[in-house]
C-alpha atoms as a PDB file:
ATOM      1  CA  MET A   1       0.000   0.000   0.000  1.00  0.00           C
ATOM      2  CA  SER A   2       1.391   3.412  -0.927  1.00  0.00           C
ATOM      3  CA  SER A   3       0.846   6.461   1.229  1.00  0.00           C
ATOM      4  CA  ILE A   4      -1.539   9.345   0.587  1.00  0.00           C
ATOM      5  CA  GLU A   5      -0.393  12.871   1.420  1.00  0.00           C
ATOM      6  CA  ALA A   6      -2.693  14.399   4.037  1.00  0.00           C
ATOM      7  CA  ILE A   7      -3.065  17.368   6.370  1.00  0.00           C
ATOM      8  CA  LEU A   8      -3.461  16.711  10.107  1.00  0.00           C
ATOM      9  CA  LYS A   9      -5.636  19.247  11.930  1.00  0.00           C
ATOM     10  CA  LEU A  10      -4.966  18.859  15.651  1.00  0.00           C
ATOM     11  CA  PRO A  11      -7.771  19.213  18.223  1.00  0.00           C
ATOM     12  CA  HIS A  12      -8.158  22.648  19.804  1.00  0.00           C
ATOM     13  CA  ASP A  13     -10.779  24.445  21.876  1.00  0.00           C
ATOM     14  CA  VAL A  14     -14.105  22.658  21.241  1.00  0.00           C
ATOM     15  CA  TYR A  15     -13.029  21.138  17.902  1.00  0.00           C
ATOM     16  CA  THR A  16     -11.908  17.574  17.385  1.00  0.00           C
ATOM     17  CA  GLY A  17      -8.927  16.772  15.214  1.00  0.00           C
ATOM     18  CA  ASN A  18      -9.193  15.778  11.585  1.00  0.00           C
ATOM     19  CA  LEU A  19      -7.122  14.184   8.847  1.00  0.00           C
ATOM     20  CA  LEU A  20      -7.789  15.701   5.424  1.00  0.00           C
ATOM     21  CA  TRP A  21      -6.703  14.561   1.978  1.00  0.00           C
ATOM     22  CA  SER A  22      -7.602  15.380  -1.591  1.00  0.00           C
ATOM     23  CA  PRO A  23     -10.600  13.417  -2.900  1.00  0.00           C
ATOM     24  CA  PHE A  24      -8.669  12.974  -6.154  1.00  0.00           C
ATOM     25  CA  ASP A  25      -5.951  11.015  -4.310  1.00  0.00           C
ATOM     26  CA  VAL A  26      -8.360   8.468  -2.805  1.00  0.00           C
ATOM     27  CA  VAL A  27     -10.376   7.396  -5.865  1.00  0.00           C
ATOM     28  CA  GLY A  28     -10.259   3.601  -6.085  1.00  0.00           C
ATOM     29  CA  ARG A  29      -8.457   3.257  -2.726  1.00  0.00           C
ATOM     30  CA  ALA A  30     -11.406   2.259  -0.514  1.00  0.00           C
ATOM     31  CA  GLN A  31      -9.736  -0.984   0.645  1.00  0.00           C
ATOM     32  CA  ASP A  32      -6.469   0.802   1.501  1.00  0.00           C
ATOM     33  CA  ILE A  33      -8.387   3.411   3.484  1.00  0.00           C
ATOM     34  CA  ALA A  34     -10.445   0.763   5.293  1.00  0.00           C
ATOM     35  CA  SER A  35      -7.252  -1.094   6.296  1.00  0.00           C
ATOM     36  CA  SER A  36      -5.638   2.113   7.537  1.00  0.00           C
ATOM     37  CA  LEU A  37      -8.712   3.087   9.554  1.00  0.00           C
ATOM     38  CA  GLU A  38      -8.809  -0.360  11.144  1.00  0.00           C
ATOM     39  CA  SER A  39      -5.175   0.092  12.200  1.00  0.00           C
ATOM     40  CA  VAL A  40      -6.019   3.452  13.784  1.00  0.00           C
ATOM     41  CA  ARG A  41      -9.033   1.941  15.616  1.00  0.00           C
ATOM     42  CA  ASN A  42      -6.873  -0.912  16.926  1.00  0.00           C
ATOM     43  CA  LYS A  43      -4.722   1.739  18.652  1.00  0.00           C
ATOM     44  CA  GLY A  44      -7.776   2.976  20.560  1.00  0.00           C
ATOM     45  CA  TYR A  45      -8.688   5.964  18.409  1.00  0.00           C
ATOM     46  CA  TRP A  46     -12.006   6.700  16.731  1.00  0.00           C
ATOM     47  CA  ALA A  47     -11.764   6.919  12.937  1.00  0.00           C
ATOM     48  CA  SER A  48     -14.331   7.161  10.160  1.00  0.00           C
ATOM     49  CA  PRO A  49     -14.077   7.862   6.415  1.00  0.00           C
ATOM     50  CA  ILE A  50     -16.343  10.888   5.895  1.00  0.00           C
ATOM     51  CA  PRO A  51     -17.304  11.427   3.192  1.00  0.00           C
ATOM     52  CA  ARG A  52     -17.281   7.780   2.264  1.00  0.00           C
ATOM     53  CA  GLU A  53     -15.932   6.727  -1.110  1.00  0.00           C
ATOM     54  CA  THR A  54     -18.431   4.888  -3.275  1.00  0.00           C
ATOM     55  CA  GLU A  55     -17.204   2.400  -5.855  1.00  0.00           C
END
């Protein structure tokens, strides 16, 4: 699996953190994203692909 360049927005004040990437970079990568999110969840974090990619 190759990496996808992203921007990490850290939590501050009343806002939660967020990981943002270009929608053009994720087309056709739903399985890679699902695997990565599962890895993040296994470390005790909450993670969800919003918006979800549809294939």
